Amino acid sequence: MAWLILIVAGVLEAVWASALSASNGFRRLGPTVLFVIALVLSMAGLAFAMTELPTGTAYAVWVGIGATLTLVWAMVTGKERASTARILLLLLLVACVVGLKVVS
């Protein structure tokens, strides 16, 4: 159960990071509200997962999921340039996250 919650928390990290960017310095209400809600839920999920998983592993997985999805979203929406090197590095990051799960 802790792993599932950690994965959801990692997805929510990507949501709050993207919403933070879209809030335009907290000047837009909708993205600002989404940022706050996703941030609180993401942190709560990470905190819960850390009660059952080692801190370093949980944090690395949470950051890895969030960073990967944030960059993928930015590439899909055209805010970041997609390249072969970036995609290969993201795949390597995902492989590392999966590896942490396998060895835990």
N, C-alpha and C. Protein backbone atom coordinates (compact mmCIF):
# COMPACT_ATOMS: atom_id res chain seq x y z
N MET A 1 0.82 -1.20 0.00
CA MET A 1 0.00 0.00 0.00
C MET A 1 0.86 1.26 0.00
N ALA A 2 1.98 1.25 0.72
CA ALA A 2 2.86 2.42 0.78
C ALA A 2 3.41 2.76 -0.60
N TRP A 3 3.74 1.74 -1.40
CA TRP A 3 4.26 1.99 -2.74
C TRP A 3 3.20 2.64 -3.63
N LEU A 4 1.98 2.17 -3.55
CA LEU A 4 0.91 2.76 -4.36
C LEU A 4 0.68 4.22 -3.98
N ILE A 5 0.64 4.49 -2.70
CA ILE A 5 0.46 5.87 -2.24
C ILE A 5 1.64 6.73 -2.66
N LEU A 6 2.85 6.18 -2.62
CA LEU A 6 4.03 6.92 -3.04
C LEU A 6 3.96 7.26 -4.53
N ILE A 7 3.50 6.35 -5.34
CA ILE A 7 3.36 6.60 -6.78
C ILE A 7 2.34 7.71 -7.03
N VAL A 8 1.21 7.64 -6.35
CA VAL A 8 0.19 8.70 -6.49
C VAL A 8 0.75 10.04 -6.03
N ALA A 9 1.50 10.03 -4.93
CA ALA A 9 2.12 11.26 -4.43
C ALA A 9 3.12 11.82 -5.44
N GLY A 10 3.85 10.95 -6.13
CA GLY A 10 4.77 11.39 -7.17
C GLY A 10 4.05 12.01 -8.35
N VAL A 11 2.93 11.43 -8.73
CA VAL A 11 2.11 12.00 -9.80
C VAL A 11 1.60 13.38 -9.37
N LEU A 12 1.16 13.49 -8.13
CA LEU A 12 0.69 14.78 -7.62
C LEU A 12 1.81 15.81 -7.55
N GLU A 13 3.04 15.35 -7.38
CA GLU A 13 4.17 16.29 -7.42
C GLU A 13 4.26 16.94 -8.79
N ALA A 14 4.07 16.14 -9.84
CA ALA A 14 4.09 16.70 -11.20
C ALA A 14 2.92 17.66 -11.40
N VAL A 15 1.77 17.34 -10.80
CA VAL A 15 0.60 18.22 -10.92
C VAL A 15 0.90 19.56 -10.25
N TRP A 16 1.43 19.53 -9.02
CA TRP A 16 1.65 20.82 -8.35
C TRP A 16 2.77 21.61 -9.01
N ALA A 17 3.78 20.95 -9.53
CA ALA A 17 4.85 21.68 -10.21
C ALA A 17 4.33 22.36 -11.47
N SER A 18 3.51 21.66 -12.23
CA SER A 18 2.94 22.24 -13.45
C SER A 18 1.95 23.34 -13.10
N ALA A 19 1.15 23.14 -12.06
CA ALA A 19 0.19 24.16 -11.64
C ALA A 19 0.91 25.40 -11.13
N LEU A 20 2.03 25.21 -10.46
CA LEU A 20 2.81 26.34 -9.97
C LEU A 20 3.29 27.20 -11.14
N SER A 21 3.75 26.55 -12.18
CA SER A 21 4.18 27.28 -13.37
C SER A 21 3.00 28.01 -14.01
N ALA A 22 1.87 27.33 -14.09
CA ALA A 22 0.67 27.92 -14.73
C ALA A 22 0.03 29.02 -13.89
N SER A 23 0.36 29.07 -12.60
CA SER A 23 -0.25 30.09 -11.73
C SER A 23 0.27 31.50 -12.00
N ASN A 24 1.38 31.58 -12.76
CA ASN A 24 1.95 32.89 -13.11
C ASN A 24 2.24 33.71 -11.86
N GLY A 25 3.03 33.11 -10.97
CA GLY A 25 3.39 33.82 -9.74
C GLY A 25 2.21 33.99 -8.79
N PHE A 26 1.34 33.02 -8.74
CA PHE A 26 0.13 33.02 -7.90
C PHE A 26 -0.86 34.11 -8.31
N ARG A 27 -0.80 34.55 -9.56
CA ARG A 27 -1.73 35.57 -10.04
C ARG A 27 -3.00 34.99 -10.65
N ARG A 28 -2.98 33.68 -10.95
CA ARG A 28 -4.16 33.02 -11.53
C ARG A 28 -4.74 32.09 -10.48
N LEU A 29 -6.02 32.28 -10.17
CA LEU A 29 -6.66 31.58 -9.07
C LEU A 29 -6.74 30.07 -9.28
N GLY A 30 -7.23 29.62 -10.42
CA GLY A 30 -7.41 28.18 -10.67
C GLY A 30 -6.14 27.38 -10.48
N PRO A 31 -5.08 27.72 -11.19
CA PRO A 31 -3.83 26.98 -11.01
C PRO A 31 -3.26 27.11 -9.61
N THR A 32 -3.48 28.25 -8.95
CA THR A 32 -2.98 28.42 -7.59
C THR A 32 -3.69 27.48 -6.63
N VAL A 33 -5.00 27.36 -6.76
CA VAL A 33 -5.78 26.43 -5.91
C VAL A 33 -5.35 25.00 -6.19
N LEU A 34 -5.19 24.65 -7.47
CA LEU A 34 -4.75 23.30 -7.82
C LEU A 34 -3.36 23.02 -7.23
N PHE A 35 -2.47 24.01 -7.30
CA PHE A 35 -1.13 23.88 -6.72
C PHE A 35 -1.21 23.54 -5.24
N VAL A 36 -2.00 24.30 -4.48
CA VAL A 36 -2.08 24.10 -3.03
C VAL A 36 -2.64 22.72 -2.70
N ILE A 37 -3.72 22.34 -3.37
CA ILE A 37 -4.35 21.04 -3.09
C ILE A 37 -3.39 19.89 -3.44
N ALA A 38 -2.79 19.96 -4.63
CA ALA A 38 -1.88 18.89 -5.05
C ALA A 38 -0.64 18.84 -4.16
N LEU A 39 -0.15 20.00 -3.74
CA LEU A 39 1.02 20.04 -2.86
C LEU A 39 0.74 19.37 -1.53
N VAL A 40 -0.38 19.71 -0.92
CA VAL A 40 -0.74 19.13 0.38
C VAL A 40 -0.92 17.61 0.26
N LEU A 41 -1.65 17.17 -0.76
CA LEU A 41 -1.88 15.73 -0.93
C LEU A 41 -0.59 14.99 -1.26
N SER A 42 0.26 15.60 -2.07
CA SER A 42 1.54 14.98 -2.43
C SER A 42 2.42 14.81 -1.20
N MET A 43 2.53 15.86 -0.40
CA MET A 43 3.36 15.78 0.81
C MET A 43 2.78 14.79 1.82
N ALA A 44 1.47 14.77 1.94
CA ALA A 44 0.84 13.81 2.86
C ALA A 44 1.10 12.38 2.41
N GLY A 45 1.02 12.14 1.10
CA GLY A 45 1.30 10.81 0.58
C GLY A 45 2.74 10.41 0.80
N LEU A 46 3.66 11.34 0.56
CA LEU A 46 5.07 11.06 0.81
C LEU A 46 5.31 10.76 2.28
N ALA A 47 4.71 11.56 3.16
CA ALA A 47 4.88 11.36 4.60
C ALA A 47 4.36 9.98 5.03
N PHE A 48 3.20 9.60 4.49
CA PHE A 48 2.65 8.28 4.83
C PHE A 48 3.56 7.17 4.32
N ALA A 49 4.03 7.29 3.08
CA ALA A 49 4.89 6.25 2.51
C ALA A 49 6.17 6.10 3.32
N MET A 50 6.66 7.21 3.87
CA MET A 50 7.90 7.16 4.65
C MET A 50 7.73 6.45 6.00
N THR A 51 6.50 6.19 6.41
CA THR A 51 6.30 5.42 7.64
C THR A 51 6.60 3.94 7.42
N GLU A 52 6.55 3.51 6.15
CA GLU A 52 6.80 2.09 5.86
C GLU A 52 8.02 1.86 4.98
N LEU A 53 8.48 2.88 4.28
CA LEU A 53 9.61 2.73 3.36
C LEU A 53 10.79 3.55 3.87
N PRO A 54 12.01 3.15 3.52
CA PRO A 54 13.16 3.95 3.91
C PRO A 54 13.06 5.36 3.32
N THR A 55 13.46 6.35 4.09
CA THR A 55 13.33 7.74 3.68
C THR A 55 14.02 8.03 2.35
N GLY A 56 15.25 7.61 2.21
CA GLY A 56 15.99 7.88 0.98
C GLY A 56 15.33 7.28 -0.25
N THR A 57 14.88 6.04 -0.12
CA THR A 57 14.22 5.37 -1.24
C THR A 57 12.91 6.07 -1.58
N ALA A 58 12.10 6.35 -0.56
CA ALA A 58 10.81 6.99 -0.80
C ALA A 58 10.99 8.35 -1.47
N TYR A 59 11.93 9.13 -0.95
CA TYR A 59 12.15 10.47 -1.50
C TYR A 59 12.67 10.40 -2.94
N ALA A 60 13.60 9.51 -3.21
CA ALA A 60 14.16 9.37 -4.56
C ALA A 60 13.08 8.95 -5.56
N VAL A 61 12.23 8.02 -5.17
CA VAL A 61 11.16 7.57 -6.05
C VAL A 61 10.16 8.70 -6.29
N TRP A 62 9.79 9.41 -5.22
CA TRP A 62 8.83 10.52 -5.31
C TRP A 62 9.36 11.60 -6.26
N VAL A 63 10.61 11.99 -6.07
CA VAL A 63 11.22 13.02 -6.93
C VAL A 63 11.35 12.50 -8.36
N GLY A 64 11.76 11.26 -8.52
CA GLY A 64 11.93 10.70 -9.86
C GLY A 64 10.63 10.69 -10.66
N ILE A 65 9.56 10.24 -10.01
CA ILE A 65 8.25 10.23 -10.68
C ILE A 65 7.83 11.66 -11.01
N GLY A 66 7.93 12.53 -10.04
CA GLY A 66 7.51 13.92 -10.26
C GLY A 66 8.30 14.61 -11.34
N ALA A 67 9.61 14.47 -11.30
CA ALA A 67 10.47 15.12 -12.30
C ALA A 67 10.21 14.57 -13.70
N THR A 68 10.07 13.27 -13.79
CA THR A 68 9.83 12.64 -15.09
C THR A 68 8.51 13.12 -15.69
N LEU A 69 7.44 13.04 -14.90
CA LEU A 69 6.14 13.44 -15.42
C LEU A 69 6.05 14.93 -15.71
N THR A 70 6.72 15.74 -14.89
CA THR A 70 6.71 17.18 -15.14
C THR A 70 7.38 17.49 -16.48
N LEU A 71 8.51 16.86 -16.74
CA LEU A 71 9.21 17.10 -18.00
C LEU A 71 8.44 16.53 -19.19
N VAL A 72 7.85 15.36 -19.03
CA VAL A 72 7.05 14.78 -20.11
C VAL A 72 5.88 15.72 -20.44
N TRP A 73 5.20 16.22 -19.41
CA TRP A 73 4.09 17.14 -19.63
C TRP A 73 4.57 18.40 -20.35
N ALA A 74 5.70 18.93 -19.95
CA ALA A 74 6.24 20.13 -20.59
C ALA A 74 6.60 19.86 -22.05
N MET A 75 7.09 18.68 -22.34
CA MET A 75 7.41 18.34 -23.74
C MET A 75 6.13 18.16 -24.56
N VAL A 76 5.12 17.52 -23.97
CA VAL A 76 3.85 17.31 -24.68
C VAL A 76 3.17 18.65 -24.98
N THR A 77 3.23 19.57 -24.04
CA THR A 77 2.57 20.87 -24.23
C THR A 77 3.43 21.86 -25.00
N GLY A 78 4.66 21.49 -25.35
CA GLY A 78 5.52 22.34 -26.15
C GLY A 78 6.32 23.37 -25.37
N LYS A 79 6.30 23.29 -24.05
CA LYS A 79 7.06 24.25 -23.23
C LYS A 79 8.52 23.85 -23.08
N GLU A 80 8.82 22.59 -23.34
CA GLU A 80 10.20 22.08 -23.32
C GLU A 80 10.43 21.35 -24.64
N ARG A 81 11.63 21.42 -25.13
CA ARG A 81 11.98 20.75 -26.37
C ARG A 81 12.23 19.26 -26.11
N ALA A 82 11.62 18.43 -26.93
CA ALA A 82 11.88 16.99 -26.85
C ALA A 82 13.06 16.66 -27.75
N SER A 83 13.94 15.82 -27.24
CA SER A 83 15.07 15.37 -28.05
C SER A 83 15.36 13.92 -27.69
N THR A 84 16.10 13.28 -28.55
CA THR A 84 16.46 11.88 -28.29
C THR A 84 17.21 11.75 -26.98
N ALA A 85 18.14 12.65 -26.73
CA ALA A 85 18.94 12.59 -25.50
C ALA A 85 18.05 12.76 -24.27
N ARG A 86 17.13 13.72 -24.29
CA ARG A 86 16.24 13.93 -23.14
C ARG A 86 15.37 12.70 -22.88
N ILE A 87 14.84 12.14 -23.95
CA ILE A 87 13.97 10.97 -23.80
C ILE A 87 14.76 9.79 -23.26
N LEU A 88 15.97 9.58 -23.75
CA LEU A 88 16.81 8.49 -23.23
C LEU A 88 17.16 8.71 -21.76
N LEU A 89 17.45 9.94 -21.39
CA LEU A 89 17.76 10.23 -19.98
C LEU A 89 16.53 10.03 -19.10
N LEU A 90 15.36 10.40 -19.58
CA LEU A 90 14.13 10.14 -18.81
C LEU A 90 13.90 8.64 -18.64
N LEU A 91 14.14 7.87 -19.69
CA LEU A 91 14.00 6.42 -19.58
C LEU A 91 14.98 5.85 -18.56
N LEU A 92 16.18 6.40 -18.53
CA LEU A 92 17.17 5.98 -17.53
C LEU A 92 16.69 6.31 -16.12
N LEU A 93 16.10 7.49 -15.96
CA LEU A 93 15.56 7.89 -14.66
C LEU A 93 14.44 6.94 -14.22
N VAL A 94 13.56 6.60 -15.15
CA VAL A 94 12.47 5.66 -14.83
C VAL A 94 13.06 4.30 -14.47
N ALA A 95 14.08 3.87 -15.18
CA ALA A 95 14.73 2.59 -14.86
C ALA A 95 15.32 2.61 -13.46
N CYS A 96 15.88 3.74 -13.06
CA CYS A 96 16.44 3.85 -11.70
C CYS A 96 15.34 3.78 -10.65
N VAL A 97 14.21 4.43 -10.90
CA VAL A 97 13.08 4.38 -9.96
C VAL A 97 12.58 2.93 -9.84
N VAL A 98 12.43 2.26 -10.96
CA VAL A 98 12.00 0.86 -10.93
C VAL A 98 13.03 0.00 -10.20
N GLY A 99 14.31 0.28 -10.44
CA GLY A 99 15.37 -0.45 -9.75
C GLY A 99 15.30 -0.29 -8.24
N LEU A 100 15.01 0.92 -7.78
CA LEU A 100 14.86 1.14 -6.33
C LEU A 100 13.71 0.30 -5.77
N LYS A 101 12.64 0.19 -6.54
CA LYS A 101 11.51 -0.65 -6.09
C LYS A 101 11.93 -2.11 -6.02
N VAL A 102 12.65 -2.54 -7.02
CA VAL A 102 13.06 -3.96 -7.09
C VAL A 102 13.97 -4.34 -5.91
N VAL A 103 14.90 -3.46 -5.55
CA VAL A 103 15.84 -3.81 -4.49
C VAL A 103 15.31 -3.51 -3.09
N SER A 104 14.15 -2.89 -2.99
CA SER A 104 13.59 -2.57 -1.66
C SER A 104 12.70 -3.68 -1.15
